[in-house]
Each structure stands twice: as C-alpha cells, then as structure tokens.
Amino acid sequence: MIYENDYKGNGLYSWLKMDFGSMIYVNEMCMSSNAQDMDRGRGKKVGGIYGFANQGYVQFMKVQNNLEHRITIGRAYLEHGFGKSSRLLVSKWSRPFDQIGWSLLYKGISAKMVGVQLDPIEDINRYFSIHVINFDLLNNLTISFGESSIYAGENRGIELQYFNPTLFWIPIRENQPSTNQANGFLYTGIKYNNLKNAFWFEYLLDDYQIDRTIQEPTTYGFIVGIEKVDLFIKYFDSFWAEYSKVSNRTYQTMGELGEENYIHRSFPIGHYLGNDFDNLVFNVKSKNLSRSKYDFYSNFKFSFLRDGNSGIEIDWDSPWLDIEEGVIFEENSPTLPINQILEFVINANLQYEKKYIMDLGLYYKSSKSKLQNESDLSFLFRISMNFISDFNY
C-alpha cells in the first residue's frame, strides 16, 4: 500500500518553472544521502550524495479555433487512467520518461500521443509508444481508449510506425511476423462522476488467444472503484473503495533478458504492484477543519493484497507446453502459494498554506504465507516543506 507521493524518494528537491505563455520550461533536481531513495536514477555517489535530474522538459502550447495543442519534449511523468491506488496503462511509479509527446483538446475530446526512449538492457535498445483518446460524454461520463507498445532490439532505433497517431499498432505488428515485433497492449476505461458520487472501471488486455487450440492463458488487468463524497456520517467527508487485479505474465514477454517487459529502470510502467496479484483498498477521509491558513484532516486506509508466487520480477515460464496433449491447462490466479498481506494506516494531516505538510499516524502490516507469518506496528511520520518564490523578469 503506497502513499500518494511514494513514487518520489525522501530527499531534497529543487523545482524551476519558467512560464513564457506559449512555452513552459521545467527543471526538477533531487538528491539524498540514501541510495534507496534515489533508486530510480542514481549512479555514482559524489561527496556522500546521490542525485539526478528527475524532470526536465519544455512544453509548447497553442490554442486556435477551440483546438488546443500541447507539445512536450524532454523528461516528464506520464499518467493515464481513473484508478485511485494505481493505474493500469501508465503511472508515475516508474522513472519520468525521456519523451516527445503531443496532446490535443477539442471541446469534449482529448487525445495524446507519446514516444519514449526507455533504459537499455545490456546492448539492447528499448522504446515505448502510447496513444490515448478520451470522450467526455454529457457532463459526467468519460470513456477512454488507448494502446501502447514496447519494442526492443540490439540494432533497433526509433520506428516512425509507432509514432503514427492514426494507426493501430497491434495490426501493424501482426502483419510483419518475422521482423520488428513489439509487446502491445489495448486499454479501455470509463468513469462516471457527479458532485457526490463516482464510479470507474479500467481494463487492459495484454494477450488474447483467438485460436482455441493454444493453451497459453489470456493476460489482462482491471480496476473497478467507487467513491462517495459528503457522507451522511458526522465528521466524515468521503469514502472510496477500489479493487484491482492483474493476471500472471501480464506486462511480460518471453525474451531472455525481459527486454520487452513493461518496466523502466526496473520499476513497473503500469500498475505499481506488477502482476500476479489482486488487491482491495478502502479509504475514509474526515472533514477538513480549516482555521485561518491551517487545514487539518484525518484519514484511515485499509488494504488487503493477495500476492501470487510469480510476478513481473520472475522470469517468464510456459508450463502449458509440458502438459499432455488434450489436457486443458489451468492455473490459479493469483498463482499458488499466495502471500496474504493486510495493511492499514490511520493518520492526521496538518497543512499550512498548502506549502508545509506534516503527517502523523500508526501503520500496521501483517503478512501470512505457507512459509512465514509476520506482523508489525510502527509509527508514521512524514513532513514536506516547500519554499516558493515567484518573480517577473
């Protein structure tokens, strides 16, 4: 169970944003003495400090005849979806991507096309392409469609066919079976929300076997959630619950080095838990008590995770190839043995002008499997301080 900003490590961050109207320049640096906190980009330790450029990009914008263009060049986060606990197609859990992106907004239609250079594995170059389109129907309903591909090879470079926003990439891949293969994903999502209620559903299809004689199981993931705002219970403001499941081998391929796995710098690009799991999360938030420049609220969050024996960090296997002819291959989802992880946290959050945040609470975790049973109760403390200065040049 992660905190909403746990994709960033503890440390010192600098943020520079220069706004020229039609162009924005952004640079974010980070550093820490703890190697684990800088795990998404650290290299050599210099003067007892690890650090790297977390984000650095320029963004160009133009609005004409109700059509808004936005072009992003550089290193920036990508995120798409409706999930509260995580996202299926692309999330902030991985390192920000070195990318060229183009997004459009026209009335109730928004679209995005991004090409990314991922981290290489040994001498193998890796690339990631994604395009999505959202339709805002009526005032409360959004439907989303998307597709992504990871392609890799020792001598492969940027391939313009995976930058084409008007074509579907999976048919392109299937029409060139002996060359330029890719690991492709299809995505759809829907969200309904009004002032007091929300419902959302996401589905990601990795691999579906049309031929019934192929024993390899379908690989997929989905998220379903509900939210209720302005509860009738005194002192409580909102409640949301979300269930997510990703089957074994989703986000993975058969490559010896996993070069087309859905990861960047060893972190999942999609759901932060990877694959071979299901997870149920509840969250209840109290009403906000505002006093002058201070805001105070409390929060209770509960998670129950069933973590399978495999996962995105485990090499791809093909057990259906070892069964007798005529026998149907079956596999538990999540796979056995399962590690059952229960977590909950209750915390109090104090904010001053949204710039200084202090979080105090208690955190409990229990892990139960065939091999071991463990539990731990710990004290939670987080603090975030932002020193901001704006000026005109």
Protein backbone atom coordinates (compact mmCIF):
# COMPACT_ATOMS: atom_id res chain seq x y z
CA MET A 1 0.00 0.00 0.00
CA ILE A 2 1.59 3.24 -1.10
CA TYR A 3 1.21 6.85 -0.10
CA GLU A 4 0.23 9.17 -2.95
CA ASN A 5 3.75 10.63 -3.22
CA ASP A 6 5.79 7.49 -2.53
CA TYR A 7 6.93 7.41 -6.16
CA LYS A 8 9.40 10.05 -5.04
CA GLY A 9 12.14 9.19 -2.58
CA ASN A 10 12.89 11.14 0.58
CA GLY A 11 15.36 13.93 -0.06
CA LEU A 12 15.84 17.49 -1.24
CA TYR A 13 14.18 18.57 -4.49
CA SER A 14 14.61 21.74 -6.50
CA TRP A 15 11.87 22.91 -8.87
CA LEU A 16 12.33 25.62 -11.50
CA LYS A 17 9.47 26.64 -13.79
CA MET A 18 9.72 29.46 -16.33
CA ASP A 19 6.39 30.41 -17.90
CA PHE A 20 6.56 32.33 -21.19
CA GLY A 21 2.88 31.94 -22.03
CA SER A 22 3.14 29.82 -25.18
CA MET A 23 6.15 27.93 -23.78
CA ILE A 24 6.99 26.49 -20.35
CA TYR A 25 10.41 25.36 -19.16
CA VAL A 26 10.61 22.96 -16.19
CA ASN A 27 13.60 21.52 -14.35
CA GLU A 28 13.47 19.32 -11.24
CA MET A 29 16.59 18.00 -9.48
CA CYS A 30 16.76 15.68 -6.48
CA MET A 31 19.38 14.40 -4.08
CA SER A 32 19.71 12.27 -0.96
CA SER A 33 22.38 10.51 1.07
CA ASN A 34 20.26 7.33 0.95
CA ALA A 35 20.80 5.17 -2.15
CA GLN A 36 17.34 3.57 -1.91
CA ASP A 37 15.60 6.95 -2.02
CA MET A 38 17.38 7.74 -5.30
CA ASP A 39 16.89 4.25 -6.76
CA ARG A 40 15.04 5.47 -9.86
CA GLY A 41 18.01 7.29 -11.32
CA ARG A 42 21.09 7.26 -9.12
CA GLY A 43 24.54 6.43 -10.38
CA LYS A 44 27.81 7.24 -8.69
CA LYS A 45 27.91 8.63 -5.15
CA VAL A 46 29.62 12.04 -5.11
CA GLY A 47 30.57 13.71 -1.84
CA GLY A 48 28.31 11.35 0.09
CA ILE A 49 25.28 12.35 -2.04
CA TYR A 50 23.25 10.56 -4.72
CA GLY A 51 21.32 12.68 -7.19
CA PHE A 52 19.92 13.03 -10.68
CA ALA A 53 17.66 15.18 -12.83
CA ASN A 54 14.17 13.89 -12.09
CA GLN A 55 12.35 16.03 -14.66
CA GLY A 56 13.48 18.43 -17.34
CA TYR A 57 11.32 19.43 -20.28
CA VAL A 58 9.94 22.21 -22.41
CA GLN A 59 6.28 22.43 -23.34
CA PHE A 60 4.80 24.43 -26.22
CA MET A 61 1.11 25.40 -26.27
CA LYS A 62 -1.18 26.91 -28.88
CA VAL A 63 -4.96 27.46 -28.90
CA GLN A 64 -6.82 28.17 -32.14
CA ASN A 65 -10.48 27.65 -33.10
CA ASN A 66 -11.26 25.68 -29.91
CA LEU A 67 -8.34 23.33 -30.63
CA GLU A 68 -5.58 23.28 -28.01
CA HIS A 69 -2.18 21.81 -28.92
CA ARG A 70 0.45 20.89 -26.34
CA ILE A 71 3.88 19.51 -27.31
CA THR A 72 6.25 18.18 -24.64
CA ILE A 73 9.93 17.49 -25.25
CA GLY A 74 12.19 16.14 -22.52
CA ARG A 75 11.92 14.11 -19.31
CA ALA A 76 8.49 14.16 -17.69
CA TYR A 77 5.97 11.93 -15.92
CA LEU A 78 3.22 10.15 -17.82
CA GLU A 79 -0.05 9.06 -16.24
CA HIS A 80 -3.35 7.92 -17.67
CA GLY A 81 -6.43 6.36 -16.13
CA PHE A 82 -9.02 6.73 -13.39
CA GLY A 83 -7.66 4.49 -10.60
CA LYS A 84 -7.05 5.84 -7.10
CA SER A 85 -4.50 3.31 -5.85
CA SER A 86 -2.69 2.91 -9.19
CA ARG A 87 -3.12 2.98 -12.99
CA LEU A 88 -3.04 0.13 -15.48
CA LEU A 89 -1.75 1.65 -18.72
CA VAL A 90 0.87 4.08 -17.45
CA SER A 91 1.53 5.50 -13.98
CA LYS A 92 4.00 7.68 -12.08
CA TRP A 93 5.53 4.66 -10.35
CA SER A 94 8.34 4.39 -12.87
CA ARG A 95 11.04 6.98 -13.55
CA PRO A 96 9.91 10.01 -15.62
CA PHE A 97 10.22 9.26 -19.34
CA ASP A 98 12.54 10.82 -21.91
CA GLN A 99 9.89 11.61 -24.48
CA ILE A 100 8.37 13.55 -27.32
CA GLY A 101 4.64 13.99 -26.74
CA TRP A 102 1.75 15.69 -28.50
CA SER A 103 -1.65 16.21 -26.86
CA LEU A 104 -4.82 17.75 -28.24
CA LEU A 105 -8.01 19.07 -26.69
CA TYR A 106 -11.08 19.92 -28.76
CA LYS A 107 -14.32 20.57 -26.91
CA GLY A 108 -15.10 17.23 -25.21
CA ILE A 109 -12.40 15.20 -26.95
CA SER A 110 -8.82 14.91 -25.70
CA ALA A 111 -6.02 12.82 -27.19
CA LYS A 112 -2.34 12.16 -26.52
CA MET A 113 0.49 10.55 -28.47
CA VAL A 114 3.89 9.96 -26.83
CA GLY A 115 7.12 8.28 -27.94
CA VAL A 116 9.64 7.32 -25.26
CA GLN A 117 13.20 6.04 -25.13
CA LEU A 118 13.47 3.58 -22.21
CA ASP A 119 16.58 2.46 -20.38
CA PRO A 120 18.62 -0.07 -22.41
CA ILE A 121 19.23 -3.61 -21.16
CA GLU A 122 22.84 -4.58 -21.89
CA ASP A 123 23.25 -3.71 -25.61
CA ILE A 124 19.52 -3.81 -26.38
CA ASN A 125 17.74 -0.53 -27.16
CA ARG A 126 14.18 -0.21 -25.81
CA TYR A 127 11.34 2.12 -26.87
CA PHE A 128 7.81 2.77 -25.63
CA SER A 129 4.92 4.34 -27.55
CA ILE A 130 1.46 5.18 -26.29
CA HIS A 131 -1.62 6.92 -27.66
CA VAL A 132 -4.95 7.50 -25.93
CA ILE A 133 -8.21 9.31 -26.62
CA ASN A 134 -10.92 10.39 -24.19
CA PHE A 135 -14.52 11.31 -24.94
CA ASP A 136 -16.38 13.42 -22.39
CA LEU A 137 -19.99 12.42 -22.94
CA LEU A 138 -22.64 14.65 -21.40
CA ASN A 139 -21.20 16.32 -18.27
CA ASN A 140 -20.44 13.34 -16.06
CA LEU A 141 -19.32 10.46 -18.24
CA THR A 142 -15.86 9.87 -19.74
CA ILE A 143 -14.88 6.97 -21.98
CA SER A 144 -11.22 6.30 -22.70
CA PHE A 145 -9.43 4.14 -25.27
CA GLY A 146 -5.71 3.57 -25.54
CA GLU A 147 -2.91 1.46 -26.91
CA SER A 148 0.76 1.09 -26.03
CA SER A 149 3.73 -0.86 -27.34
CA ILE A 150 7.23 -1.68 -26.17
CA TYR A 151 9.72 -2.70 -28.82
CA ALA A 152 13.38 -3.57 -28.40
CA GLY A 153 16.42 -4.85 -30.28
CA GLU A 154 20.17 -4.57 -30.39
CA ASN A 155 20.16 -2.52 -33.58
CA ARG A 156 16.67 -1.01 -33.37
CA GLY A 157 16.09 2.68 -33.30
CA ILE A 158 13.05 4.92 -33.30
CA GLU A 159 10.47 3.47 -35.72
CA LEU A 160 8.05 6.02 -37.10
CA GLN A 161 5.25 3.46 -37.47
CA TYR A 162 4.97 3.52 -33.67
CA PHE A 163 4.70 7.31 -33.72
CA ASN A 164 1.70 7.35 -36.04
CA PRO A 165 -1.34 8.50 -34.00
CA THR A 166 -3.85 7.47 -36.69
CA LEU A 167 -2.99 3.75 -36.88
CA PHE A 168 -3.48 0.81 -34.53
CA TRP A 169 -0.09 -0.69 -33.74
CA ILE A 170 -1.11 -4.27 -32.93
CA PRO A 171 -2.31 -4.96 -36.53
CA ILE A 172 0.97 -3.45 -37.76
CA ARG A 173 2.86 -5.92 -35.58
CA GLU A 174 0.79 -8.91 -36.73
CA ASN A 175 1.34 -8.03 -40.39
CA GLN A 176 5.12 -8.27 -40.03
CA PRO A 177 5.51 -11.54 -38.09
CA SER A 178 9.20 -12.08 -38.79
CA THR A 179 10.51 -8.55 -38.20
CA ASN A 180 10.00 -5.51 -35.98
CA GLN A 181 7.91 -7.26 -33.33
CA ALA A 182 6.58 -5.45 -30.25
CA ASN A 183 4.79 -6.15 -26.98
CA GLY A 184 1.39 -4.48 -27.43
CA PHE A 185 -1.43 -3.59 -25.04
CA LEU A 186 -5.03 -2.47 -25.51
CA TYR A 187 -6.79 -0.33 -22.90
CA THR A 188 -10.30 0.92 -22.22
CA GLY A 189 -11.75 2.81 -19.29
CA ILE A 190 -14.94 4.51 -18.20
CA LYS A 191 -15.73 6.93 -15.39
CA TYR A 192 -18.97 8.45 -14.18
CA ASN A 193 -18.90 11.17 -11.58
CA ASN A 194 -21.11 13.92 -10.23
CA LEU A 195 -20.73 16.16 -7.20
CA LYS A 196 -21.27 13.36 -4.69
CA ASN A 197 -20.67 10.01 -6.40
CA ALA A 198 -18.18 8.42 -8.74
CA PHE A 199 -17.67 5.05 -10.42
CA TRP A 200 -14.78 3.94 -12.62
CA PHE A 201 -13.58 0.87 -14.46
CA GLU A 202 -10.36 0.16 -16.37
CA TYR A 203 -9.39 -2.88 -18.40
CA LEU A 204 -6.04 -3.70 -20.01
CA LEU A 205 -5.64 -6.60 -22.44
CA ASP A 206 -2.10 -7.84 -22.96
CA ASP A 207 -2.51 -11.10 -24.86
CA TYR A 208 -5.64 -12.94 -26.02
CA GLN A 209 -5.52 -16.32 -27.75
CA ILE A 210 -8.06 -16.33 -30.60
CA ASP A 211 -7.06 -19.86 -31.58
CA ARG A 212 -8.68 -22.19 -29.00
CA THR A 213 -6.00 -24.86 -29.55
CA ILE A 214 -3.37 -22.60 -27.93
CA GLN A 215 -3.16 -23.34 -24.20
CA GLU A 216 -1.40 -20.11 -23.22
CA PRO A 217 -3.78 -18.21 -20.90
CA THR A 218 -5.08 -14.70 -21.58
CA THR A 219 -3.13 -11.98 -19.77
CA TYR A 220 -5.08 -8.96 -18.54
CA GLY A 221 -5.67 -6.49 -15.74
CA PHE A 222 -8.61 -4.50 -14.45
CA ILE A 223 -9.52 -1.88 -11.84
CA VAL A 224 -13.01 -1.12 -10.53
CA GLY A 225 -13.78 1.56 -7.95
CA ILE A 226 -16.46 3.69 -6.30
CA GLU A 227 -16.37 6.96 -4.37
CA LYS A 228 -18.87 8.77 -2.18
CA VAL A 229 -18.35 12.41 -1.23
CA ASP A 230 -20.16 14.37 1.50
CA LEU A 231 -21.08 11.39 3.66
CA PHE A 232 -24.12 11.46 5.90
CA ILE A 233 -21.94 10.38 8.85
CA LYS A 234 -20.88 13.27 11.04
CA TYR A 235 -17.22 14.32 10.85
CA PHE A 236 -16.57 12.16 7.74
CA ASP A 237 -16.17 13.72 4.31
CA SER A 238 -15.53 11.00 1.72
CA PHE A 239 -15.07 7.30 1.14
CA TRP A 240 -13.65 5.33 -1.76
CA ALA A 241 -13.02 1.64 -2.42
CA GLU A 242 -11.09 0.05 -5.25
CA TYR A 243 -10.36 -3.50 -6.38
CA SER A 244 -7.57 -4.26 -8.85
CA LYS A 245 -6.31 -7.49 -10.37
CA VAL A 246 -3.51 -8.25 -12.84
CA SER A 247 -3.01 -11.83 -14.02
CA ASN A 248 0.30 -13.66 -14.12
CA ARG A 249 2.61 -12.84 -17.09
CA THR A 250 0.76 -9.60 -17.90
CA TYR A 251 3.27 -6.89 -18.87
CA GLN A 252 5.84 -9.64 -19.70
CA THR A 253 7.28 -11.42 -22.76
CA MET A 254 9.43 -14.46 -23.43
CA GLY A 255 12.70 -12.59 -24.07
CA GLU A 256 15.74 -13.99 -22.29
CA LEU A 257 16.53 -10.59 -20.76
CA GLY A 258 12.92 -9.38 -20.47
CA GLU A 259 13.77 -6.57 -22.87
CA GLU A 260 10.11 -6.04 -23.83
CA ASN A 261 8.76 -6.28 -20.28
CA TYR A 262 6.60 -3.32 -19.22
CA ILE A 263 9.27 -1.83 -16.94
CA HIS A 264 11.56 1.20 -16.90
CA ARG A 265 14.67 1.22 -14.70
CA SER A 266 13.30 -1.97 -13.07
CA PHE A 267 10.04 -0.27 -11.98
CA PRO A 268 6.65 -1.19 -13.49
CA ILE A 269 5.28 1.24 -16.07
CA GLY A 270 1.68 0.21 -15.37
CA HIS A 271 0.29 -0.92 -12.00
CA TYR A 272 2.89 -0.40 -9.29
CA LEU A 273 2.34 -3.96 -7.95
CA GLY A 274 3.33 -5.50 -11.30
CA ASN A 275 1.34 -8.68 -11.99
CA ASP A 276 0.04 -11.90 -10.40
CA PHE A 277 -1.98 -10.27 -7.62
CA ASP A 278 -5.33 -8.89 -6.59
CA ASN A 279 -5.76 -6.01 -4.18
CA LEU A 280 -8.69 -4.43 -2.31
CA VAL A 281 -8.29 -0.92 -0.88
CA PHE A 282 -10.65 1.19 1.30
CA ASN A 283 -10.08 4.82 2.21
CA VAL A 284 -12.10 7.07 4.54
CA LYS A 285 -11.29 10.76 4.98
CA SER A 286 -12.60 13.09 7.67
CA LYS A 287 -13.99 16.55 7.05
CA ASN A 288 -11.43 19.29 6.62
CA LEU A 289 -11.12 21.63 9.60
CA SER A 290 -9.85 24.98 8.37
CA ARG A 291 -8.53 27.64 10.71
CA SER A 292 -7.06 30.74 9.11
CA LYS A 293 -4.16 29.41 6.99
CA TYR A 294 -4.24 25.92 8.51
CA ASP A 295 -6.05 22.81 7.25
CA PHE A 296 -6.43 19.64 9.26
CA TYR A 297 -7.96 16.26 8.43
CA SER A 298 -7.54 12.61 9.40
CA ASN A 299 -7.54 9.56 7.18
CA PHE A 300 -7.99 5.80 7.50
CA LYS A 301 -6.75 3.48 4.75
CA PHE A 302 -7.01 -0.31 4.57
CA SER A 303 -5.50 -2.70 2.02
CA PHE A 304 -5.74 -6.46 1.53
CA LEU A 305 -3.32 -7.86 -1.04
CA ARG A 306 -3.09 -11.43 -2.33
CA ASP A 307 0.36 -11.66 -3.86
CA GLY A 308 0.95 -14.68 -6.10
CA ASN A 309 4.04 -16.85 -6.29
CA SER A 310 5.15 -15.34 -9.60
CA GLY A 311 5.33 -11.66 -10.57
CA ILE A 312 6.87 -9.23 -13.00
CA GLU A 313 10.26 -9.73 -11.36
CA ILE A 314 10.13 -13.52 -12.09
CA ASP A 315 11.27 -14.86 -15.47
CA TRP A 316 8.58 -15.85 -17.98
CA ASP A 317 7.63 -19.53 -17.94
CA SER A 318 5.47 -21.71 -20.24
CA PRO A 319 4.08 -24.60 -18.15
CA TRP A 320 1.32 -25.34 -20.70
CA LEU A 321 3.99 -26.73 -23.03
CA ASP A 322 4.73 -29.54 -20.57
CA ILE A 323 1.21 -30.99 -20.24
CA GLU A 324 -0.14 -33.93 -22.18
CA GLU A 325 -1.98 -33.38 -25.43
CA GLY A 326 -5.71 -32.96 -24.91
CA VAL A 327 -5.36 -31.83 -21.28
CA ILE A 328 -6.61 -28.31 -20.61
CA PHE A 329 -4.09 -26.09 -18.83
CA GLU A 330 -5.41 -24.46 -15.67
CA GLU A 331 -3.69 -22.03 -13.35
CA ASN A 332 -4.80 -20.31 -10.16
CA SER A 333 -4.97 -16.52 -10.25
CA PRO A 334 -3.05 -15.36 -8.28
CA THR A 335 -0.73 -18.36 -8.53
CA LEU A 336 -0.07 -20.60 -5.53
CA PRO A 337 1.28 -20.31 -2.90
CA ILE A 338 -0.27 -16.92 -2.10
CA ASN A 339 1.16 -14.40 0.33
CA GLN A 340 -1.70 -12.55 2.07
CA ILE A 341 -0.73 -9.02 3.11
CA LEU A 342 -3.02 -6.90 5.26
CA GLU A 343 -2.16 -3.25 5.87
CA PHE A 344 -3.88 -0.29 7.47
CA VAL A 345 -2.86 3.19 8.45
CA ILE A 346 -4.61 5.89 10.45
CA ASN A 347 -3.06 9.31 10.26
CA ALA A 348 -3.58 13.01 10.94
CA ASN A 349 -2.54 15.56 8.33
CA LEU A 350 -1.78 19.20 9.10
CA GLN A 351 -1.14 21.70 6.31
CA TYR A 352 -0.12 25.34 6.33
CA GLU A 353 -0.95 27.29 3.16
CA LYS A 354 -0.52 24.02 1.21
CA LYS A 355 3.24 24.61 1.41
CA TYR A 356 4.09 22.79 4.64
CA ILE A 357 2.61 19.40 5.38
CA MET A 358 3.04 17.23 8.47
CA ASP A 359 1.63 13.72 8.63
CA LEU A 360 1.47 11.62 11.83
CA GLY A 361 -0.05 8.20 12.31
CA LEU A 362 0.13 4.49 13.04
CA TYR A 363 0.85 1.84 10.41
CA TYR A 364 0.16 -1.90 10.73
CA LYS A 365 1.21 -4.67 8.38
CA SER A 366 0.57 -8.42 8.57
CA SER A 367 1.98 -10.94 6.10
CA LYS A 368 0.79 -14.55 6.04
CA SER A 369 2.03 -17.34 3.79
CA LYS A 370 2.89 -21.05 4.00
CA LEU A 371 6.47 -20.20 4.88
CA GLN A 372 6.04 -17.46 7.49
CA ASN A 373 3.68 -15.24 9.44
CA GLU A 374 4.85 -11.72 10.29
CA SER A 375 3.23 -8.60 11.70
CA ASP A 376 4.50 -5.15 12.56
CA LEU A 377 3.07 -1.99 14.10
CA SER A 378 5.05 1.17 13.51
CA PHE A 379 4.85 4.93 13.96
CA LEU A 380 4.40 7.01 10.82
CA PHE A 381 5.91 10.45 10.34
CA ARG A 382 6.14 12.46 7.12
CA ILE A 383 7.00 16.08 6.56
CA SER A 384 7.06 18.09 3.34
CA MET A 385 8.33 21.67 3.18
CA ASN A 386 8.11 23.79 0.05
CA PHE A 387 9.89 27.14 -0.22
CA ILE A 388 8.41 29.01 -3.18
CA SER A 389 9.43 32.30 -4.74
CA ASP A 390 7.75 33.82 -7.82
CA PHE A 391 9.13 36.81 -9.69
CA ASN A 392 8.80 38.57 -13.04
CA TYR A 393 11.78 39.05 -15.32
